[in-house]
């Protein structure tokens, strides 16, 4: 709740402001450890599927996730997601 509140401007917390694992209904379980980054398999799958859905248009994916394009780019870089 604090995470969503911090990301919200105004009084209504929209689903796009919630962490991915909550929006997906997943439990925080296994985390694949990499130096400096914790990658959750469900985050990778969600982002990859959205990239395919939007033909790798990062602006549309970022908008659907409710994050900035640079945040999406950083996550993609950390996850090793490049254009096919």
N, C-alpha and C. Protein backbone atom coordinates (compact mmCIF):
# COMPACT_ATOMS: atom_id res chain seq x y z
N UNK A 1 0.83 -1.19 0.00
CA UNK A 1 0.00 0.00 0.00
C UNK A 1 0.88 1.25 0.00
N UNK A 2 1.94 1.25 0.79
CA UNK A 2 2.83 2.41 0.83
C UNK A 2 3.46 2.66 -0.53
N UNK A 3 3.83 1.58 -1.22
CA UNK A 3 4.43 1.69 -2.56
C UNK A 3 3.45 2.38 -3.50
N UNK A 4 2.21 1.92 -3.50
CA UNK A 4 1.19 2.50 -4.38
C UNK A 4 0.90 3.95 -4.01
N UNK A 5 0.85 4.24 -2.73
CA UNK A 5 0.60 5.59 -2.27
C UNK A 5 1.71 6.53 -2.72
N UNK A 6 2.95 6.08 -2.63
CA UNK A 6 4.09 6.91 -3.01
C UNK A 6 4.09 7.19 -4.51
N UNK A 7 3.54 6.30 -5.31
CA UNK A 7 3.52 6.46 -6.77
C UNK A 7 2.28 7.18 -7.28
N UNK A 8 1.37 7.53 -6.39
CA UNK A 8 0.09 8.10 -6.79
C UNK A 8 0.08 9.60 -6.59
N UNK A 9 -0.45 10.29 -7.60
CA UNK A 9 -0.69 11.72 -7.49
C UNK A 9 -2.20 11.87 -7.34
N UNK A 10 -2.63 12.40 -6.24
CA UNK A 10 -4.07 12.52 -6.01
C UNK A 10 -4.53 11.55 -4.94
N UNK A 11 -5.83 11.26 -4.94
CA UNK A 11 -6.40 10.46 -3.88
C UNK A 11 -6.80 9.05 -4.30
N UNK A 12 -6.76 8.74 -5.59
CA UNK A 12 -7.17 7.43 -6.06
C UNK A 12 -5.94 6.63 -6.47
N UNK A 13 -5.81 5.45 -5.90
CA UNK A 13 -4.71 4.55 -6.25
C UNK A 13 -5.21 3.62 -7.35
N UNK A 14 -4.63 3.75 -8.53
CA UNK A 14 -5.00 2.90 -9.67
C UNK A 14 -4.16 1.64 -9.66
N UNK A 15 -4.68 0.59 -10.26
CA UNK A 15 -3.99 -0.70 -10.30
C UNK A 15 -2.61 -0.58 -10.93
N UNK A 16 -2.43 0.33 -11.87
CA UNK A 16 -1.13 0.48 -12.53
C UNK A 16 -0.04 0.95 -11.57
N UNK A 17 -0.43 1.46 -10.43
CA UNK A 17 0.55 1.92 -9.44
C UNK A 17 0.97 0.83 -8.46
N UNK A 18 0.34 -0.34 -8.56
CA UNK A 18 0.69 -1.46 -7.68
C UNK A 18 1.86 -2.24 -8.28
N UNK A 19 2.65 -2.90 -7.45
CA UNK A 19 3.74 -3.72 -7.97
C UNK A 19 3.21 -4.81 -8.90
N UNK A 20 4.05 -5.22 -9.86
CA UNK A 20 3.65 -6.21 -10.85
C UNK A 20 3.15 -7.50 -10.21
N UNK A 21 3.83 -7.96 -9.17
CA UNK A 21 3.44 -9.24 -8.57
C UNK A 21 2.05 -9.17 -7.94
N UNK A 22 1.63 -8.03 -7.48
CA UNK A 22 0.29 -7.89 -6.92
C UNK A 22 -0.74 -7.80 -8.04
N UNK A 23 -0.42 -7.04 -9.11
CA UNK A 23 -1.35 -6.93 -10.23
C UNK A 23 -1.58 -8.27 -10.89
N UNK A 24 -0.57 -9.12 -10.91
CA UNK A 24 -0.69 -10.43 -11.54
C UNK A 24 -1.32 -11.46 -10.61
N UNK A 25 -1.47 -11.13 -9.33
CA UNK A 25 -2.03 -12.07 -8.38
C UNK A 25 -1.03 -13.13 -7.96
N UNK A 26 0.25 -12.86 -8.20
CA UNK A 26 1.29 -13.83 -7.87
C UNK A 26 1.83 -13.58 -6.48
N UNK A 27 2.38 -14.62 -5.91
CA UNK A 27 3.03 -14.49 -4.61
C UNK A 27 4.50 -14.19 -4.84
N UNK A 28 5.09 -13.45 -3.92
CA UNK A 28 6.54 -13.22 -4.00
C UNK A 28 7.21 -14.52 -3.61
N UNK A 29 7.73 -15.23 -4.58
CA UNK A 29 8.35 -16.52 -4.30
C UNK A 29 9.80 -16.49 -4.74
N UNK A 30 10.14 -17.36 -5.65
CA UNK A 30 11.53 -17.50 -6.05
C UNK A 30 12.03 -16.25 -6.74
N UNK A 31 13.23 -15.88 -6.41
CA UNK A 31 13.89 -14.74 -7.03
C UNK A 31 15.21 -15.24 -7.60
N UNK A 32 15.45 -14.94 -8.86
CA UNK A 32 16.71 -15.31 -9.48
C UNK A 32 17.70 -14.21 -9.17
N UNK A 33 18.74 -14.54 -8.42
CA UNK A 33 19.70 -13.52 -7.98
C UNK A 33 20.74 -13.26 -9.05
N UNK A 34 20.99 -12.00 -9.30
CA UNK A 34 22.03 -11.53 -10.18
C UNK A 34 22.71 -10.40 -9.44
N UNK A 35 23.99 -10.19 -9.63
CA UNK A 35 24.65 -9.10 -8.90
C UNK A 35 23.94 -7.77 -9.13
N UNK A 36 23.50 -7.14 -8.06
CA UNK A 36 22.88 -5.83 -8.14
C UNK A 36 21.43 -5.82 -8.60
N UNK A 37 20.84 -6.98 -8.84
CA UNK A 37 19.46 -6.98 -9.32
C UNK A 37 18.77 -8.28 -8.94
N UNK A 38 17.57 -8.17 -8.43
CA UNK A 38 16.75 -9.34 -8.14
C UNK A 38 15.68 -9.42 -9.22
N UNK A 39 15.72 -10.50 -9.98
CA UNK A 39 14.78 -10.67 -11.09
C UNK A 39 13.73 -11.69 -10.70
N UNK A 40 12.49 -11.32 -10.81
CA UNK A 40 11.41 -12.25 -10.53
C UNK A 40 10.96 -12.84 -11.86
N UNK A 41 10.85 -14.14 -11.94
CA UNK A 41 10.46 -14.77 -13.20
C UNK A 41 9.13 -14.24 -13.75
N UNK A 42 8.18 -13.94 -12.87
CA UNK A 42 6.89 -13.44 -13.36
C UNK A 42 7.01 -12.05 -13.98
N UNK A 43 7.96 -11.23 -13.49
CA UNK A 43 8.19 -9.92 -14.08
C UNK A 43 8.74 -10.07 -15.49
N UNK A 44 9.69 -10.97 -15.66
CA UNK A 44 10.29 -11.23 -16.97
C UNK A 44 9.22 -11.69 -17.96
N UNK A 45 8.40 -12.63 -17.54
CA UNK A 45 7.35 -13.17 -18.41
C UNK A 45 6.35 -12.08 -18.79
N UNK A 46 5.93 -11.29 -17.80
CA UNK A 46 4.96 -10.22 -18.07
C UNK A 46 5.52 -9.21 -19.07
N UNK A 47 6.73 -8.74 -18.83
CA UNK A 47 7.32 -7.73 -19.71
C UNK A 47 7.54 -8.31 -21.11
N UNK A 48 8.05 -9.53 -21.18
CA UNK A 48 8.28 -10.15 -22.49
C UNK A 48 6.97 -10.31 -23.26
N UNK A 49 5.93 -10.76 -22.59
CA UNK A 49 4.62 -10.93 -23.25
C UNK A 49 4.05 -9.59 -23.73
N UNK A 50 4.21 -8.55 -22.92
CA UNK A 50 3.71 -7.23 -23.32
C UNK A 50 4.51 -6.67 -24.49
N UNK A 51 5.82 -6.92 -24.50
CA UNK A 51 6.65 -6.48 -25.62
C UNK A 51 6.19 -7.15 -26.91
N UNK A 52 5.91 -8.43 -26.84
CA UNK A 52 5.42 -9.14 -28.02
C UNK A 52 4.05 -8.63 -28.44
N UNK A 53 3.18 -8.39 -27.47
CA UNK A 53 1.83 -7.90 -27.75
C UNK A 53 1.86 -6.56 -28.49
N UNK A 54 2.80 -5.69 -28.10
CA UNK A 54 2.89 -4.34 -28.67
C UNK A 54 4.00 -4.23 -29.71
N UNK A 55 4.41 -5.38 -30.30
CA UNK A 55 5.45 -5.40 -31.32
C UNK A 55 6.71 -4.65 -30.88
N UNK A 56 7.10 -4.84 -29.65
CA UNK A 56 8.32 -4.27 -29.05
C UNK A 56 8.29 -2.74 -28.99
N UNK A 57 7.10 -2.16 -28.95
CA UNK A 57 6.96 -0.71 -28.78
C UNK A 57 7.04 -0.42 -27.28
N UNK A 58 8.21 0.04 -26.85
CA UNK A 58 8.46 0.23 -25.42
C UNK A 58 7.57 1.31 -24.82
N UNK A 59 7.20 2.31 -25.59
CA UNK A 59 6.33 3.37 -25.06
C UNK A 59 4.96 2.80 -24.67
N UNK A 60 4.40 1.95 -25.52
CA UNK A 60 3.10 1.35 -25.21
C UNK A 60 3.19 0.40 -24.03
N UNK A 61 4.27 -0.36 -23.95
CA UNK A 61 4.45 -1.31 -22.84
C UNK A 61 4.58 -0.54 -21.53
N UNK A 62 5.40 0.51 -21.53
CA UNK A 62 5.59 1.31 -20.32
C UNK A 62 4.27 1.93 -19.88
N UNK A 63 3.48 2.41 -20.84
CA UNK A 63 2.19 3.01 -20.51
C UNK A 63 1.26 1.98 -19.88
N UNK A 64 1.22 0.77 -20.45
CA UNK A 64 0.36 -0.28 -19.91
C UNK A 64 0.80 -0.71 -18.51
N UNK A 65 2.11 -0.69 -18.27
CA UNK A 65 2.62 -1.06 -16.94
C UNK A 65 2.53 0.08 -15.93
N UNK A 66 2.33 1.29 -16.43
CA UNK A 66 2.26 2.44 -15.54
C UNK A 66 3.62 2.88 -15.04
N UNK A 67 4.65 2.67 -15.88
CA UNK A 67 6.01 3.08 -15.53
C UNK A 67 6.56 3.93 -16.66
N UNK A 68 7.68 4.61 -16.41
CA UNK A 68 8.32 5.43 -17.43
C UNK A 68 9.07 4.57 -18.44
N UNK A 69 9.30 5.14 -19.63
CA UNK A 69 10.04 4.41 -20.66
C UNK A 69 11.45 4.07 -20.22
N UNK A 70 12.09 4.99 -19.52
CA UNK A 70 13.46 4.73 -19.06
C UNK A 70 13.49 3.64 -18.00
N UNK A 71 12.47 3.57 -17.17
CA UNK A 71 12.38 2.51 -16.18
C UNK A 71 12.22 1.17 -16.88
N UNK A 72 11.37 1.13 -17.89
CA UNK A 72 11.19 -0.10 -18.66
C UNK A 72 12.49 -0.48 -19.35
N UNK A 73 13.16 0.48 -19.97
CA UNK A 73 14.42 0.21 -20.65
C UNK A 73 15.44 -0.38 -19.68
N UNK A 74 15.53 0.20 -18.47
CA UNK A 74 16.47 -0.29 -17.45
C UNK A 74 16.13 -1.73 -17.05
N UNK A 75 14.84 -2.01 -16.85
CA UNK A 75 14.42 -3.36 -16.49
C UNK A 75 14.74 -4.34 -17.62
N UNK A 76 14.47 -3.92 -18.86
CA UNK A 76 14.77 -4.78 -20.00
C UNK A 76 16.26 -5.09 -20.08
N UNK A 77 17.08 -4.07 -19.86
CA UNK A 77 18.53 -4.26 -19.90
C UNK A 77 18.98 -5.22 -18.81
N UNK A 78 18.44 -5.06 -17.62
CA UNK A 78 18.81 -5.93 -16.50
C UNK A 78 18.35 -7.37 -16.73
N UNK A 79 17.23 -7.53 -17.42
CA UNK A 79 16.69 -8.87 -17.68
C UNK A 79 17.27 -9.51 -18.94
N UNK A 80 18.02 -8.71 -19.70
CA UNK A 80 18.60 -9.25 -20.93
C UNK A 80 17.60 -9.34 -22.06
N UNK A 81 16.56 -8.52 -22.02
CA UNK A 81 15.54 -8.54 -23.08
C UNK A 81 15.95 -7.58 -24.20
N UNK A 82 16.23 -8.13 -25.36
CA UNK A 82 16.56 -7.33 -26.53
C UNK A 82 15.56 -7.68 -27.62
N UNK A 83 15.51 -6.85 -28.63
CA UNK A 83 14.62 -7.17 -29.77
C UNK A 83 15.06 -8.49 -30.38
N UNK A 84 14.08 -9.30 -30.81
CA UNK A 84 14.41 -10.59 -31.42
C UNK A 84 15.12 -10.44 -32.76
